[in-house]
Protein backbone atom coordinates (compact mmCIF):
# COMPACT_ATOMS: atom_id res chain seq x y z
CA MET A 1 22.86 41.05 -69.46
CA ASP A 2 25.32 38.19 -70.10
CA GLY A 3 23.47 35.64 -68.09
CA LYS A 4 25.91 35.61 -65.12
CA MET A 5 24.42 36.19 -61.61
CA ASP A 6 26.26 38.55 -59.40
CA LEU A 7 26.01 36.76 -56.07
CA ALA A 8 27.30 39.76 -54.12
CA LEU A 9 24.56 41.93 -55.60
CA ILE A 10 21.86 39.41 -54.87
CA LEU A 11 23.10 39.03 -51.28
CA ALA A 12 23.19 42.82 -50.73
CA ARG A 13 19.55 43.00 -51.98
CA LEU A 14 18.62 40.20 -49.66
CA ASP A 15 20.22 41.96 -46.77
CA LYS A 16 18.26 45.06 -47.52
CA LEU A 17 14.96 43.20 -47.79
CA GLU A 18 15.72 41.40 -44.38
CA ALA A 19 16.61 44.73 -42.89
CA GLN A 20 13.25 46.25 -44.00
CA ASN A 21 11.35 43.32 -42.71
CA SER A 22 13.09 43.57 -39.29
CA ILE A 23 12.34 47.30 -39.18
CA ARG A 24 8.74 46.72 -39.95
CA ASN A 25 8.48 44.11 -37.42
CA CYS A 26 10.00 46.54 -34.85
CA ILE A 27 7.63 49.25 -35.38
CA ASN A 28 4.71 46.85 -35.53
CA ARG A 29 5.71 45.44 -32.21
CA TYR A 30 6.16 48.93 -30.79
CA MET A 31 2.51 49.71 -31.80
CA GLU A 32 1.09 46.37 -30.41
CA ILE A 33 2.76 47.08 -27.03
CA CYS A 34 1.50 50.81 -27.11
CA ASP A 35 -2.07 49.52 -27.73
CA VAL A 36 -2.05 47.84 -24.32
CA LEU A 37 -0.13 50.08 -22.08
CA ASP A 38 -1.32 49.51 -18.59
CA ALA A 39 -0.01 48.37 -15.18
CA ASN A 40 0.64 44.97 -16.55
CA THR A 41 2.70 46.08 -19.47
CA ASP A 42 6.22 44.78 -19.52
CA LEU A 43 8.17 47.97 -20.28
CA ASN A 44 11.38 46.02 -20.73
CA GLU A 45 9.93 44.42 -23.86
CA LEU A 46 9.04 47.71 -25.26
CA MET A 47 12.43 49.24 -24.33
CA GLU A 48 14.18 46.34 -26.05
CA LEU A 49 13.09 47.96 -29.33
CA PHE A 50 15.23 51.08 -28.63
CA ASP A 51 18.84 51.69 -29.19
CA PRO A 52 20.72 52.28 -25.75
CA ASP A 53 21.40 55.93 -26.95
CA SER A 54 18.04 56.84 -28.37
CA ILE A 55 15.71 59.80 -28.68
CA TRP A 56 11.83 59.91 -28.61
CA GLU A 57 10.12 63.14 -29.42
CA GLY A 58 6.89 64.89 -30.39
CA VAL A 59 7.65 67.44 -33.07
CA GLY A 60 5.45 70.34 -34.44
CA GLU A 61 3.59 72.81 -32.38
CA LYS A 62 0.94 70.35 -30.93
CA TYR A 63 3.17 67.31 -30.19
CA ALA A 64 6.22 69.21 -29.10
CA GLN A 65 4.10 70.82 -26.39
CA SER A 66 2.09 67.71 -25.60
CA PHE A 67 4.87 65.07 -25.46
CA GLY A 68 8.23 66.85 -25.42
CA ARG A 69 11.65 65.35 -26.07
CA PHE A 70 13.36 62.41 -24.28
CA GLU A 71 17.07 62.10 -24.89
CA SER A 72 18.10 58.93 -23.38
CA TRP A 73 16.82 55.22 -22.86
CA SER A 74 16.13 55.92 -19.26
CA ALA A 75 14.22 59.13 -19.94
CA ILE A 76 12.15 57.29 -22.68
CA HIS A 77 11.43 54.55 -20.13
CA ALA A 78 10.24 57.05 -17.46
CA MET A 79 8.04 58.71 -20.00
CA PHE A 80 6.41 55.28 -20.92
CA LYS A 81 6.13 54.45 -17.21
CA THR A 82 3.71 57.31 -16.71
CA TYR A 83 1.26 55.55 -19.00
CA THR A 84 1.39 52.19 -17.04
CA GLU A 85 0.26 53.21 -13.62
CA GLN A 86 -2.32 51.07 -11.80
CA GLN A 87 -5.19 53.12 -13.16
CA SER A 88 -4.49 52.94 -16.80
CA HIS A 89 -4.44 56.13 -18.90
CA PHE A 90 -6.09 54.30 -21.86
CA VAL A 91 -9.25 52.23 -21.67
CA MET A 92 -8.90 51.50 -25.47
CA ASN A 93 -6.04 52.31 -27.74
CA ALA A 94 -5.40 51.12 -31.24
CA HIS A 95 -2.61 52.31 -33.63
CA PHE A 96 -2.80 51.78 -37.44
CA VAL A 97 0.22 52.47 -39.59
CA SER A 98 0.37 52.92 -43.39
CA SER A 99 2.20 54.64 -46.21
CA GLU A 100 5.42 52.99 -45.20
CA GLN A 101 8.73 54.11 -46.67
CA ILE A 102 11.97 52.43 -45.44
CA ASP A 103 15.37 53.47 -46.73
CA VAL A 104 18.22 51.24 -45.63
CA GLN A 105 21.77 52.45 -46.05
CA ASP A 106 24.40 50.06 -44.55
CA ASN A 107 23.59 49.69 -40.79
CA GLU A 108 21.31 52.72 -40.58
CA ALA A 109 17.79 53.26 -41.88
CA ASN A 110 15.25 56.23 -42.09
CA ALA A 111 11.65 55.26 -42.19
CA THR A 112 8.29 57.01 -42.35
CA TRP A 113 4.73 55.97 -41.62
CA LEU A 114 1.36 57.60 -41.48
CA MET A 115 -0.31 56.70 -38.16
CA LEU A 116 -3.90 56.78 -37.08
CA GLN A 117 -4.51 56.50 -33.38
CA THR A 118 -7.99 55.76 -31.80
CA SER A 119 -8.10 56.14 -28.05
CA THR A 120 -10.64 56.17 -25.18
CA PHE A 121 -9.16 57.38 -21.95
CA ARG A 122 -9.96 56.49 -18.35
CA ASP A 123 -12.07 59.75 -18.06
CA GLU A 124 -14.28 58.13 -20.76
CA HIS A 125 -13.34 60.74 -23.58
CA SER A 126 -12.21 59.51 -26.89
CA HIS A 127 -9.87 60.95 -29.42
CA LEU A 128 -8.83 60.44 -33.05
CA ASN A 129 -5.25 61.45 -33.90
CA ALA A 130 -3.30 61.29 -37.25
CA ALA A 131 0.45 61.60 -37.04
CA LYS A 132 3.47 61.34 -39.44
CA LEU A 133 6.17 59.15 -37.95
CA ARG A 134 9.84 59.69 -38.81
CA VAL A 135 11.93 56.97 -37.35
CA LYS A 136 15.72 56.44 -37.49
CA PHE A 137 16.93 52.88 -36.86
CA ASN A 138 20.42 51.39 -36.16
CA GLN A 139 21.56 47.79 -36.74
CA GLN A 140 23.04 46.47 -33.60
CA ILE A 141 26.10 44.35 -33.33
CA ASP A 142 23.86 41.14 -33.07
CA GLY A 143 22.08 42.06 -36.37
CA THR A 144 18.83 43.39 -34.73
CA TRP A 145 17.39 46.67 -35.74
CA LYS A 146 16.35 49.11 -33.04
CA ILE A 147 14.75 52.46 -32.84
CA LYS A 148 17.46 55.24 -32.58
CA HIS A 149 15.30 58.46 -33.05
CA PHE A 150 11.53 58.32 -32.97
CA GLN A 151 9.55 61.45 -34.08
CA THR A 152 5.87 61.85 -34.15
CA LYS A 153 4.12 64.88 -35.67
CA ASN A 154 0.51 65.64 -35.46
CA ILE A 155 -1.42 65.95 -38.63
CA PHE A 156 -4.85 66.16 -37.07
CA SER A 157 -6.42 65.59 -33.70
CA ARG A 158 -10.04 65.63 -32.68
CA PRO A 159 -12.35 64.41 -29.90
CA VAL A 160 -15.07 61.90 -30.82
CA SER A 161 -18.09 60.85 -28.81
CA HIS A 162 -17.23 57.18 -28.45
CA TRP A 163 -15.88 54.15 -30.48
CA HIS A 164 -17.86 51.19 -29.50
CA SER A 165 -21.57 50.86 -30.13
CA GLN A 166 -24.08 48.16 -28.96
CA ALA A 167 -25.93 48.60 -32.30
CA ALA A 168 -26.20 45.60 -34.56
CA LEU A 169 -23.85 45.48 -37.48
CA PRO A 170 -25.58 45.89 -40.78
CA VAL A 171 -25.00 42.68 -42.71
CA PRO A 172 -26.86 41.08 -45.58
CA GLN A 173 -29.63 38.69 -44.38
CA ALA A 174 -29.38 35.10 -45.67
CA ASP A 175 -32.68 33.88 -47.57
């Protein structure tokens, strides 16, 4: 190295880091909103995370059958609307994402996450699901990153008896 800084290279690396952070914030906001889907959810806020020409789909045998494929912004909105009726589908819902990979190329990005979802439904049954998320993002004219193609594929799914217990938490006792 000759000691000279390549400003263009540094700025390109900074743009990529900012894109990754924006994409990460987008998927985290998506999960936060999905955690509280009910009659009071502002679906416009959720749909603001999607590209106007977007796709949302369940893939693989279990999720393709359970969720299907929605090939427009309005179809995705209608699908989410079914989760926000007066009597909410979820009593408790929590999404956890990890094992993140984000590859940014110009104004497009491909990202993957592992997702764990813990849910209790209005019928009082609880479920644990793990899924692989594959999400394509597009950078918009205003510089924001939005979901272009969201795919979720089941890894495992199982009912559980319940999530919340009234039992005391085992913690060390102070002397």
